[in-house]
Structures are given as structure tokens and as C-alpha cells.
Amino acid sequence: MDNAQSSGNTLLGKNDPLLVIIDMQERLIPAIADKEMVIENIVRLAKFSRIIGLPVFITEQQNLGDTHPEIREELKDIEPITKLEFDCFGSNEFSERIRKQDRNTLIIAGIEAHICVAQTALHAHPDYAVHVVSDAVSSRSLHNRDVALKRMRQQGITVTSTEMLIYELLGKAGTDTFREALKLVK
């Protein structure tokens, strides 16, 4: 697949990416390091996705409960994909739904960074340009999160932040979209 990174341009355009929120489930979240920050940033990403029309996919690891209520509230019309696999692409339903979008860039957020997030990102790259949102992913330990981010970066995956991603997708100030999105970063 052609993507912005293979052409030399690493800036995201809002018509190519889709957002994947991995396993932000009620039973797992209490054990996650920096959980409040991760939830807050994923909610911001969910709200932003609505502003710019970014497709969103939610996965749930079987037997770990529902997606956190704050996230579900923002994305209540999206049916989560239930999976057993750590790598989301191991799920036929996930793979098919992503493929049907005909987009070349994945923005990934969720938990756990060193398991499901990393395996999904590593599987997707280089077929997709992959951007992992560093302040919207975590693990039970910060050490595992940091190792995962380092490994993904070494494999050519872009590691970004919520605010950096929002401004990159906006591209410019002075628009109605910018004014609406500005509320999310102030």
C-alpha cells in the first residue's frame, strides 16, 4: 500500500487515517499506569474524530468487560470488535473492517502498550503507516510501556502525542473545525 511515509511526506492528512482504540476495558484499566491520562486523551481523540470525520474502531479483549464508560459515551454508535487475539489483525472481523475502509494510516491508542498495541502496530507496519499516540497508550507498568514505544519506534512506527496529532490533522488555524477542536487542547 502506498502511504504518506513511503512517499517521503510523514505529515498526516485527515482523509487517510483511521483511529483504532484497543482494549480500553473496565476490568483491565484499574491496573494500568497513568490510566487517568490515557482515558482523558482517548476521549479527546474520540471527540476530535467526530469533529473531522475520522473513522474509529474499538476492540475488546474477550472476558475483560466493556469499554470504559467515558470512551463509550463518545463512541456509542460504534460496535466494538470482540477478539481473543493480542494482535488485532489476528481477528478476521477486525482485518476485514479495517481493509474495507481503504485507508493507509492507522492511529493507535489503548492498552496494553507492550502486548495488544505493540503486536497490532508491528503487524500493520509496513503495510500501513502507523502512528501510536504515546500519551494515549499504557501498560500495567511504565517500564513495559516505555520498552514497547521504543521497540515500535525502532521498527519505523511513528510515536506521537494527542496534541501533536490533533494539530497535524487540522493543518491550519482560522477554520470552524480548528475553533471546535481548540476546545479539546485548551
N, C-alpha and C. Protein backbone atom coordinates (compact mmCIF):
# COMPACT_ATOMS: atom_id res chain seq x y z
N MET A 1 0.84 -1.19 0.00
CA MET A 1 0.00 0.00 0.00
C MET A 1 0.88 1.25 0.00
N ASP A 2 0.46 2.22 -0.76
CA ASP A 2 1.17 3.49 -0.72
C ASP A 2 0.73 4.23 0.52
N ASN A 3 1.67 4.89 1.15
CA ASN A 3 1.29 5.73 2.29
C ASN A 3 2.16 6.97 2.31
N ALA A 4 1.77 7.91 3.15
CA ALA A 4 2.49 9.18 3.20
C ALA A 4 3.95 8.97 3.55
N GLN A 5 4.25 8.01 4.41
CA GLN A 5 5.63 7.81 4.82
C GLN A 5 6.48 7.29 3.67
N SER A 6 5.92 6.40 2.84
CA SER A 6 6.74 5.85 1.76
C SER A 6 7.04 6.89 0.69
N SER A 7 6.23 7.94 0.59
CA SER A 7 6.48 8.98 -0.40
C SER A 7 7.39 10.08 0.13
N GLY A 8 7.82 9.95 1.38
CA GLY A 8 8.70 10.95 1.96
C GLY A 8 7.99 11.97 2.81
N ASN A 9 6.67 12.08 2.69
CA ASN A 9 5.91 13.03 3.49
C ASN A 9 5.35 12.30 4.70
N THR A 10 5.79 12.68 5.89
CA THR A 10 5.35 11.98 7.09
C THR A 10 4.23 12.71 7.81
N LEU A 11 3.74 13.83 7.27
CA LEU A 11 2.61 14.52 7.87
C LEU A 11 1.30 13.84 7.49
N LEU A 12 0.43 13.73 8.46
CA LEU A 12 -0.87 13.11 8.22
C LEU A 12 -1.83 14.07 7.54
N GLY A 13 -2.63 13.54 6.65
CA GLY A 13 -3.76 14.26 6.11
C GLY A 13 -5.02 13.65 6.70
N LYS A 14 -6.08 14.42 6.85
CA LYS A 14 -7.25 13.91 7.56
C LYS A 14 -8.09 12.94 6.75
N ASN A 15 -7.81 12.76 5.46
CA ASN A 15 -8.60 11.85 4.64
C ASN A 15 -8.03 10.44 4.57
N ASP A 16 -6.88 10.19 5.17
CA ASP A 16 -6.28 8.86 5.06
C ASP A 16 -6.32 8.02 6.34
N PRO A 17 -6.17 8.60 7.52
CA PRO A 17 -6.08 7.74 8.71
C PRO A 17 -7.41 7.26 9.25
N LEU A 18 -7.30 6.27 10.11
CA LEU A 18 -8.42 5.84 10.93
C LEU A 18 -7.87 5.59 12.32
N LEU A 19 -8.74 5.71 13.33
CA LEU A 19 -8.35 5.58 14.72
C LEU A 19 -8.74 4.21 15.23
N VAL A 20 -7.79 3.51 15.86
CA VAL A 20 -8.04 2.21 16.47
C VAL A 20 -7.81 2.36 17.98
N ILE A 21 -8.85 2.09 18.75
CA ILE A 21 -8.77 2.14 20.22
C ILE A 21 -8.81 0.70 20.71
N ILE A 22 -7.71 0.28 21.31
CA ILE A 22 -7.53 -1.13 21.67
C ILE A 22 -7.78 -1.38 23.15
N ASP A 23 -8.76 -2.20 23.44
CA ASP A 23 -8.97 -2.86 24.74
C ASP A 23 -9.03 -1.94 25.96
N MET A 24 -9.67 -0.80 25.82
CA MET A 24 -9.82 0.12 26.97
C MET A 24 -10.99 -0.34 27.84
N GLN A 25 -10.80 -1.48 28.49
CA GLN A 25 -11.89 -2.15 29.18
C GLN A 25 -11.83 -1.99 30.69
N GLU A 26 -13.04 -1.95 31.27
CA GLU A 26 -13.21 -1.67 32.69
C GLU A 26 -12.42 -2.59 33.62
N ARG A 27 -12.33 -3.85 33.31
CA ARG A 27 -11.62 -4.79 34.20
C ARG A 27 -10.11 -4.62 34.18
N LEU A 28 -9.58 -4.15 33.08
CA LEU A 28 -8.13 -4.01 32.95
C LEU A 28 -7.63 -2.64 33.39
N ILE A 29 -8.42 -1.62 33.18
CA ILE A 29 -7.99 -0.24 33.43
C ILE A 29 -7.49 0.02 34.85
N PRO A 30 -8.10 -0.52 35.90
CA PRO A 30 -7.61 -0.21 37.25
C PRO A 30 -6.13 -0.53 37.48
N ALA A 31 -5.59 -1.48 36.74
CA ALA A 31 -4.19 -1.88 36.92
C ALA A 31 -3.22 -1.09 36.03
N ILE A 32 -3.72 -0.21 35.20
CA ILE A 32 -2.90 0.47 34.20
C ILE A 32 -2.24 1.73 34.76
N ALA A 33 -0.95 1.87 34.48
CA ALA A 33 -0.20 3.06 34.88
C ALA A 33 -0.71 4.27 34.10
N ASP A 34 -0.83 5.41 34.77
CA ASP A 34 -1.27 6.66 34.14
C ASP A 34 -2.65 6.53 33.48
N LYS A 35 -3.52 5.72 34.08
CA LYS A 35 -4.83 5.44 33.47
C LYS A 35 -5.67 6.69 33.24
N GLU A 36 -5.62 7.65 34.17
CA GLU A 36 -6.43 8.86 34.00
C GLU A 36 -6.01 9.64 32.76
N MET A 37 -4.70 9.76 32.55
CA MET A 37 -4.17 10.46 31.38
C MET A 37 -4.59 9.73 30.10
N VAL A 38 -4.47 8.42 30.11
CA VAL A 38 -4.81 7.64 28.92
C VAL A 38 -6.29 7.79 28.58
N ILE A 39 -7.15 7.65 29.58
CA ILE A 39 -8.60 7.80 29.35
C ILE A 39 -8.91 9.20 28.82
N GLU A 40 -8.36 10.21 29.47
CA GLU A 40 -8.60 11.60 29.05
C GLU A 40 -8.19 11.82 27.61
N ASN A 41 -7.02 11.32 27.22
CA ASN A 41 -6.54 11.54 25.86
C ASN A 41 -7.31 10.73 24.83
N ILE A 42 -7.75 9.54 25.20
CA ILE A 42 -8.57 8.77 24.26
C ILE A 42 -9.93 9.43 24.08
N VAL A 43 -10.49 9.96 25.13
CA VAL A 43 -11.75 10.71 25.00
C VAL A 43 -11.53 11.92 24.09
N ARG A 44 -10.42 12.62 24.26
CA ARG A 44 -10.11 13.76 23.38
C ARG A 44 -10.00 13.30 21.92
N LEU A 45 -9.32 12.18 21.69
CA LEU A 45 -9.18 11.64 20.34
C LEU A 45 -10.55 11.25 19.77
N ALA A 46 -11.40 10.66 20.60
CA ALA A 46 -12.74 10.28 20.16
C ALA A 46 -13.55 11.51 19.76
N LYS A 47 -13.52 12.55 20.60
CA LYS A 47 -14.23 13.79 20.27
C LYS A 47 -13.67 14.42 19.00
N PHE A 48 -12.36 14.43 18.88
CA PHE A 48 -11.72 15.01 17.70
C PHE A 48 -12.08 14.22 16.44
N SER A 49 -12.15 12.90 16.57
CA SER A 49 -12.50 12.08 15.41
C SER A 49 -13.88 12.46 14.88
N ARG A 50 -14.79 12.82 15.78
CA ARG A 50 -16.13 13.26 15.37
C ARG A 50 -16.06 14.60 14.64
N ILE A 51 -15.22 15.49 15.11
CA ILE A 51 -15.10 16.81 14.50
C ILE A 51 -14.61 16.72 13.06
N ILE A 52 -13.62 15.86 12.82
CA ILE A 52 -13.04 15.80 11.47
C ILE A 52 -13.54 14.62 10.63
N GLY A 53 -14.41 13.79 11.20
CA GLY A 53 -14.95 12.66 10.44
C GLY A 53 -14.01 11.49 10.29
N LEU A 54 -13.17 11.27 11.27
CA LEU A 54 -12.20 10.18 11.24
C LEU A 54 -12.89 8.87 11.63
N PRO A 55 -12.80 7.82 10.82
CA PRO A 55 -13.38 6.53 11.21
C PRO A 55 -12.69 5.99 12.47
N VAL A 56 -13.47 5.36 13.35
CA VAL A 56 -12.96 4.84 14.62
C VAL A 56 -13.35 3.38 14.76
N PHE A 57 -12.41 2.59 15.24
CA PHE A 57 -12.64 1.19 15.57
C PHE A 57 -12.26 0.95 17.01
N ILE A 58 -13.07 0.16 17.70
CA ILE A 58 -12.82 -0.18 19.10
C ILE A 58 -12.70 -1.70 19.19
N THR A 59 -11.66 -2.17 19.89
CA THR A 59 -11.58 -3.61 20.15
C THR A 59 -11.76 -3.86 21.64
N GLU A 60 -12.25 -5.06 21.93
CA GLU A 60 -12.39 -5.51 23.31
C GLU A 60 -11.87 -6.94 23.40
N GLN A 61 -10.94 -7.14 24.32
CA GLN A 61 -10.45 -8.49 24.58
C GLN A 61 -11.56 -9.27 25.28
N GLN A 62 -11.85 -10.45 24.78
CA GLN A 62 -12.94 -11.25 25.35
C GLN A 62 -12.72 -11.48 26.85
N ASN A 63 -13.80 -11.37 27.61
CA ASN A 63 -13.83 -11.64 29.06
C ASN A 63 -13.22 -10.54 29.92
N LEU A 64 -12.94 -9.38 29.37
CA LEU A 64 -12.40 -8.28 30.19
C LEU A 64 -13.40 -7.14 30.37
N GLY A 65 -14.66 -7.39 30.05
CA GLY A 65 -15.69 -6.38 30.27
C GLY A 65 -15.83 -5.41 29.13
N ASP A 66 -16.64 -4.39 29.39
CA ASP A 66 -16.95 -3.38 28.38
C ASP A 66 -15.89 -2.29 28.34
N THR A 67 -15.89 -1.57 27.23
CA THR A 67 -15.03 -0.39 27.09
C THR A 67 -15.42 0.64 28.16
N HIS A 68 -14.43 1.35 28.68
CA HIS A 68 -14.64 2.35 29.73
C HIS A 68 -15.81 3.27 29.35
N PRO A 69 -16.71 3.56 30.32
CA PRO A 69 -17.92 4.34 30.02
C PRO A 69 -17.67 5.72 29.41
N GLU A 70 -16.63 6.43 29.81
CA GLU A 70 -16.36 7.76 29.22
C GLU A 70 -16.05 7.65 27.73
N ILE A 71 -15.35 6.60 27.37
CA ILE A 71 -15.00 6.39 25.96
C ILE A 71 -16.23 5.94 25.19
N ARG A 72 -16.98 5.01 25.76
CA ARG A 72 -18.20 4.50 25.12
C ARG A 72 -19.21 5.63 24.90
N GLU A 73 -19.30 6.54 25.85
CA GLU A 73 -20.24 7.66 25.72
C GLU A 73 -19.95 8.47 24.45
N GLU A 74 -18.67 8.68 24.16
CA GLU A 74 -18.29 9.44 22.97
C GLU A 74 -18.48 8.65 21.68
N LEU A 75 -18.45 7.33 21.79
CA LEU A 75 -18.47 6.48 20.60
C LEU A 75 -19.57 5.44 20.68
N LYS A 76 -20.71 5.84 21.22
CA LYS A 76 -21.79 4.88 21.49
C LYS A 76 -22.36 4.24 20.25
N ASP A 77 -22.19 4.84 19.09
CA ASP A 77 -22.72 4.27 17.87
C ASP A 77 -21.77 3.28 17.21
N ILE A 78 -20.60 3.06 17.81
CA ILE A 78 -19.61 2.15 17.23
C ILE A 78 -19.66 0.81 17.97
N GLU A 79 -19.84 -0.24 17.22
CA GLU A 79 -19.89 -1.59 17.78
C GLU A 79 -18.46 -2.11 17.98
N PRO A 80 -18.06 -2.39 19.22
CA PRO A 80 -16.71 -2.92 19.45
C PRO A 80 -16.51 -4.28 18.79
N ILE A 81 -15.30 -4.54 18.42
CA ILE A 81 -14.91 -5.84 17.85
C ILE A 81 -14.34 -6.68 18.99
N THR A 82 -14.99 -7.78 19.30
CA THR A 82 -14.52 -8.67 20.35
C THR A 82 -13.49 -9.62 19.75
N LYS A 83 -12.40 -9.83 20.49
CA LYS A 83 -11.31 -10.67 19.97
C LYS A 83 -10.68 -11.49 21.09
N LEU A 84 -10.02 -12.55 20.71
CA LEU A 84 -9.20 -13.35 21.62
C LEU A 84 -7.72 -13.07 21.39
N GLU A 85 -7.40 -12.66 20.18
CA GLU A 85 -6.01 -12.46 19.77
C GLU A 85 -5.44 -11.20 20.40
N PHE A 86 -4.15 -11.20 20.65
CA PHE A 86 -3.47 -9.99 21.12
C PHE A 86 -3.29 -9.03 19.94
N ASP A 87 -2.79 -9.54 18.82
CA ASP A 87 -2.65 -8.76 17.59
C ASP A 87 -4.05 -8.63 16.99
N CYS A 88 -4.56 -7.42 16.91
CA CYS A 88 -5.92 -7.23 16.40
C CYS A 88 -6.10 -7.81 15.00
N PHE A 89 -5.03 -7.82 14.20
CA PHE A 89 -5.12 -8.35 12.85
C PHE A 89 -5.30 -9.87 12.85
N GLY A 90 -5.12 -10.52 13.99
CA GLY A 90 -5.43 -11.94 14.10
C GLY A 90 -6.92 -12.20 14.09
N SER A 91 -7.72 -11.17 14.32
CA SER A 91 -9.18 -11.26 14.27
C SER A 91 -9.63 -11.00 12.84
N ASN A 92 -10.33 -11.97 12.24
CA ASN A 92 -10.84 -11.79 10.87
C ASN A 92 -11.77 -10.60 10.78
N GLU A 93 -12.62 -10.42 11.80
CA GLU A 93 -13.57 -9.30 11.77
C GLU A 93 -12.82 -7.97 11.75
N PHE A 94 -11.82 -7.83 12.60
CA PHE A 94 -11.02 -6.60 12.63
C PHE A 94 -10.36 -6.37 11.27
N SER A 95 -9.66 -7.39 10.77
CA SER A 95 -8.93 -7.25 9.50
C SER A 95 -9.86 -6.83 8.37
N GLU A 96 -11.04 -7.48 8.29
CA GLU A 96 -11.99 -7.15 7.23
C GLU A 96 -12.53 -5.73 7.36
N ARG A 97 -12.89 -5.34 8.56
CA ARG A 97 -13.44 -3.99 8.75
C ARG A 97 -12.40 -2.91 8.45
N ILE A 98 -11.16 -3.14 8.82
CA ILE A 98 -10.09 -2.18 8.51
C ILE A 98 -9.87 -2.12 7.00
N ARG A 99 -9.75 -3.27 6.38
CA ARG A 99 -9.50 -3.34 4.94
C ARG A 99 -10.58 -2.62 4.14
N LYS A 100 -11.84 -2.74 4.56
CA LYS A 100 -12.95 -2.10 3.84
C LYS A 100 -12.88 -0.58 3.87
N GLN A 101 -12.15 -0.03 4.80
CA GLN A 101 -12.04 1.43 4.89
C GLN A 101 -11.17 2.01 3.78
N ASP A 102 -10.31 1.18 3.19
CA ASP A 102 -9.44 1.63 2.11
C ASP A 102 -8.63 2.86 2.51
N ARG A 103 -8.08 2.80 3.70
CA ARG A 103 -7.21 3.86 4.19
C ARG A 103 -5.85 3.25 4.49
N ASN A 104 -4.82 4.07 4.47
CA ASN A 104 -3.46 3.56 4.57
C ASN A 104 -2.75 3.89 5.87
N THR A 105 -3.41 4.59 6.78
CA THR A 105 -2.76 5.03 8.01
C THR A 105 -3.61 4.64 9.21
N LEU A 106 -2.97 4.02 10.18
CA LEU A 106 -3.62 3.67 11.43
C LEU A 106 -3.08 4.55 12.54
N ILE A 107 -3.98 5.15 13.30
CA ILE A 107 -3.63 5.85 14.54
C ILE A 107 -4.08 4.91 15.65
N ILE A 108 -3.14 4.54 16.52
CA ILE A 108 -3.44 3.53 17.53
C ILE A 108 -3.31 4.11 18.93
N ALA A 109 -4.33 3.81 19.76
CA ALA A 109 -4.36 4.18 21.17
C ALA A 109 -4.90 2.97 21.93
N GLY A 110 -4.61 2.90 23.25
CA GLY A 110 -5.20 1.84 24.05
C GLY A 110 -4.20 1.13 24.94
N ILE A 111 -4.60 -0.06 25.37
CA ILE A 111 -3.80 -0.84 26.31
C ILE A 111 -3.79 -2.31 25.88
N GLU A 112 -2.86 -3.07 26.29
CA GLU A 112 -1.61 -2.70 26.90
C GLU A 112 -0.58 -2.44 25.82
N ALA A 113 0.22 -1.41 26.02
CA ALA A 113 1.18 -0.96 25.01
C ALA A 113 2.13 -2.06 24.57
N HIS A 114 2.58 -2.88 25.51
CA HIS A 114 3.58 -3.90 25.18
C HIS A 114 2.98 -5.21 24.69
N ILE A 115 1.67 -5.31 24.67
CA ILE A 115 1.03 -6.54 24.21
C ILE A 115 0.19 -6.23 22.97
N CYS A 116 -1.08 -5.92 23.16
CA CYS A 116 -2.01 -5.75 22.03
C CYS A 116 -1.65 -4.55 21.14
N VAL A 117 -1.28 -3.44 21.75
CA VAL A 117 -0.92 -2.26 20.95
C VAL A 117 0.32 -2.56 20.11
N ALA A 118 1.36 -3.06 20.73
CA ALA A 118 2.61 -3.32 20.01
C ALA A 118 2.43 -4.39 18.93
N GLN A 119 1.76 -5.48 19.26
CA GLN A 119 1.60 -6.54 18.28
C GLN A 119 0.77 -6.07 17.08
N THR A 120 -0.25 -5.29 17.33
CA THR A 120 -1.08 -4.76 16.25
C THR A 120 -0.28 -3.79 15.38
N ALA A 121 0.44 -2.89 16.03
CA ALA A 121 1.24 -1.89 15.29
C ALA A 121 2.34 -2.57 14.48
N LEU A 122 3.03 -3.51 15.09
CA LEU A 122 4.13 -4.19 14.39
C LEU A 122 3.61 -5.03 13.22
N HIS A 123 2.45 -5.63 13.38
CA HIS A 123 1.84 -6.40 12.29
C HIS A 123 1.45 -5.47 11.14
N ALA A 124 0.87 -4.33 11.46
CA ALA A 124 0.37 -3.41 10.44
C ALA A 124 1.49 -2.77 9.63
N HIS A 125 2.61 -2.50 10.27
CA HIS A 125 3.73 -1.84 9.60
C HIS A 125 4.55 -2.89 8.87
N PRO A 126 4.91 -2.76 7.62
CA PRO A 126 4.90 -1.56 6.78
C PRO A 126 3.71 -1.47 5.82
N ASP A 127 2.72 -2.36 5.92
CA ASP A 127 1.58 -2.26 5.01
C ASP A 127 0.78 -0.98 5.23
N TYR A 128 0.82 -0.48 6.44
CA TYR A 128 0.15 0.78 6.80
C TYR A 128 1.18 1.71 7.41
N ALA A 129 0.97 3.00 7.27
CA ALA A 129 1.70 3.96 8.08
C ALA A 129 1.04 3.87 9.46
N VAL A 130 1.83 3.70 10.50
CA VAL A 130 1.28 3.50 11.84
C VAL A 130 1.77 4.62 12.75
N HIS A 131 0.81 5.25 13.44
CA HIS A 131 1.10 6.30 14.42
C HIS A 131 0.53 5.85 15.75
N VAL A 132 1.41 5.65 16.73
CA VAL A 132 0.98 5.26 18.08
C VAL A 132 1.00 6.52 18.94
N VAL A 133 -0.10 6.79 19.61
CA VAL A 133 -0.25 8.01 20.41
C VAL A 133 0.29 7.73 21.81
N SER A 134 1.48 8.24 22.09
CA SER A 134 2.22 7.88 23.30
C SER A 134 1.51 8.21 24.60
N ASP A 135 0.75 9.29 24.64
CA ASP A 135 0.04 9.65 25.88
C ASP A 135 -1.38 9.11 25.90
N ALA A 136 -1.69 8.22 24.95
CA ALA A 136 -2.98 7.54 24.90
C ALA A 136 -2.79 6.02 24.87
N VAL A 137 -1.61 5.58 25.29
CA VAL A 137 -1.33 4.15 25.47
C VAL A 137 -0.63 3.97 26.81
N SER A 138 -0.80 2.80 27.39
CA SER A 138 -0.06 2.47 28.61
C SER A 138 -0.10 0.97 28.84
N SER A 139 0.55 0.57 29.92
CA SER A 139 0.61 -0.82 30.35
C SER A 139 0.47 -0.84 31.86
N ARG A 140 0.50 -2.03 32.43
CA ARG A 140 0.44 -2.12 33.89
C ARG A 140 1.69 -1.51 34.52
N SER A 141 2.79 -1.54 33.79
CA SER A 141 4.00 -0.88 34.29
C SER A 141 4.51 0.11 33.25
N LEU A 142 5.05 1.21 33.73
CA LEU A 142 5.61 2.21 32.82
C LEU A 142 6.81 1.66 32.07
N HIS A 143 7.54 0.76 32.72
CA HIS A 143 8.69 0.13 32.06
C HIS A 143 8.23 -0.58 30.78
N ASN A 144 7.19 -1.40 30.89
CA ASN A 144 6.70 -2.12 29.71
C ASN A 144 6.19 -1.16 28.64
N ARG A 145 5.51 -0.09 29.05
CA ARG A 145 5.05 0.91 28.07
C ARG A 145 6.25 1.53 27.34
N ASP A 146 7.27 1.92 28.11
CA ASP A 146 8.42 2.58 27.51
C ASP A 146 9.19 1.64 26.57
N VAL A 147 9.34 0.38 26.98
CA VAL A 147 10.01 -0.60 26.12
C VAL A 147 9.22 -0.78 24.82
N ALA A 148 7.90 -0.86 24.94
CA ALA A 148 7.06 -1.03 23.75
C ALA A 148 7.19 0.15 22.81
N LEU A 149 7.13 1.37 23.34
CA LEU A 149 7.25 2.56 22.48
C LEU A 149 8.62 2.59 21.80
N LYS A 150 9.65 2.23 22.53
CA LYS A 150 11.00 2.21 21.96
C LYS A 150 11.10 1.17 20.84
N ARG A 151 10.57 -0.02 21.10
CA ARG A 151 10.63 -1.07 20.07
C ARG A 151 9.86 -0.67 18.83
N MET A 152 8.66 -0.13 19.02
CA MET A 152 7.86 0.28 17.86
C MET A 152 8.58 1.37 17.06
N ARG A 153 9.15 2.33 17.76
CA ARG A 153 9.88 3.41 17.09
C ARG A 153 11.06 2.84 16.29
N GLN A 154 11.77 1.87 16.89
CA GLN A 154 12.91 1.25 16.19
C GLN A 154 12.48 0.52 14.92
N GLN A 155 11.24 0.07 14.88
CA GLN A 155 10.73 -0.64 13.71
C GLN A 155 10.12 0.29 12.67
N GLY A 156 10.20 1.60 12.89
CA GLY A 156 9.73 2.57 11.91
C GLY A 156 8.33 3.08 12.13
N ILE A 157 7.77 2.76 13.28
CA ILE A 157 6.43 3.25 13.62
C ILE A 157 6.56 4.66 14.20
N THR A 158 5.68 5.55 13.82
CA THR A 158 5.71 6.91 14.33
C THR A 158 5.08 6.95 15.71
N VAL A 159 5.79 7.52 16.66
CA VAL A 159 5.26 7.73 18.01
C VAL A 159 4.96 9.21 18.13
N THR A 160 3.73 9.53 18.48
CA THR A 160 3.26 10.91 18.51
C THR A 160 2.56 11.18 19.84
N SER A 161 1.96 12.34 19.98
CA SER A 161 1.17 12.66 21.17
C SER A 161 -0.21 13.12 20.72
N THR A 162 -1.14 13.15 21.65
CA THR A 162 -2.51 13.55 21.33
C THR A 162 -2.55 14.94 20.71
N GLU A 163 -1.94 15.91 21.37
CA GLU A 163 -1.99 17.28 20.87
C GLU A 163 -1.26 17.43 19.54
N MET A 164 -0.12 16.77 19.41
CA MET A 164 0.63 16.83 18.16
C MET A 164 -0.22 16.29 17.01
N LEU A 165 -0.90 15.18 17.26
CA LEU A 165 -1.75 14.55 16.26
C LEU A 165 -2.91 15.46 15.87
N ILE A 166 -3.56 16.05 16.85
CA ILE A 166 -4.70 16.94 16.58
C ILE A 166 -4.28 18.10 15.68
N TYR A 167 -3.19 18.76 16.03
CA TYR A 167 -2.75 19.91 15.21
C TYR A 167 -2.28 19.47 13.83
N GLU A 168 -1.65 18.31 13.75
CA GLU A 168 -1.19 17.81 12.46
C GLU A 168 -2.38 17.52 11.53
N LEU A 169 -3.42 16.92 12.08
CA LEU A 169 -4.59 16.63 11.26
C LEU A 169 -5.39 17.88 10.91
N LEU A 170 -5.37 18.87 11.79
CA LEU A 170 -6.04 20.14 11.49
C LEU A 170 -5.36 20.88 10.35
N GLY A 171 -4.03 20.93 10.40
CA GLY A 171 -3.28 21.54 9.31
C GLY A 171 -3.20 23.05 9.32
N LYS A 172 -4.26 23.73 9.79
CA LYS A 172 -4.23 25.20 9.80
C LYS A 172 -5.24 25.74 10.81
N ALA A 173 -5.01 26.97 11.20
CA ALA A 173 -5.89 27.68 12.13
C ALA A 173 -6.92 28.47 11.34
N GLY A 174 -7.86 29.08 12.08
CA GLY A 174 -8.79 30.02 11.46
C GLY A 174 -10.02 29.40 10.84
N THR A 175 -10.20 28.11 10.96
CA THR A 175 -11.39 27.47 10.39
C THR A 175 -12.38 27.13 11.51
N ASP A 176 -13.59 26.82 11.14
CA ASP A 176 -14.58 26.38 12.12
C ASP A 176 -14.13 25.09 12.79
N THR A 177 -13.55 24.19 12.01
CA THR A 177 -13.04 22.93 12.55
C THR A 177 -11.96 23.21 13.58
N PHE A 178 -11.05 24.13 13.27
CA PHE A 178 -10.00 24.49 14.21
C PHE A 178 -10.59 25.03 15.50
N ARG A 179 -11.55 25.94 15.38
CA ARG A 179 -12.15 26.53 16.59
C ARG A 179 -12.84 25.47 17.45
N GLU A 180 -13.49 24.52 16.82
CA GLU A 180 -14.14 23.44 17.57
C GLU A 180 -13.11 22.53 18.24
N ALA A 181 -12.06 22.21 17.52
CA ALA A 181 -11.01 21.32 18.05
C ALA A 181 -10.18 22.02 19.13
N LEU A 182 -10.06 23.32 19.05
CA LEU A 182 -9.26 24.07 20.02
C LEU A 182 -9.76 23.84 21.45
N LYS A 183 -11.05 23.63 21.62
CA LYS A 183 -11.62 23.37 22.94
C LYS A 183 -11.04 22.10 23.56
N LEU A 184 -10.57 21.18 22.74
CA LEU A 184 -10.02 19.91 23.23
C LEU A 184 -8.58 20.04 23.73
N VAL A 185 -7.88 21.07 23.31
CA VAL A 185 -6.46 21.21 23.68
C VAL A 185 -6.20 22.35 24.64
N LYS A 186 -7.23 23.10 25.00
CA LYS A 186 -7.06 24.19 25.95
C LYS A 186 -7.31 23.73 27.35
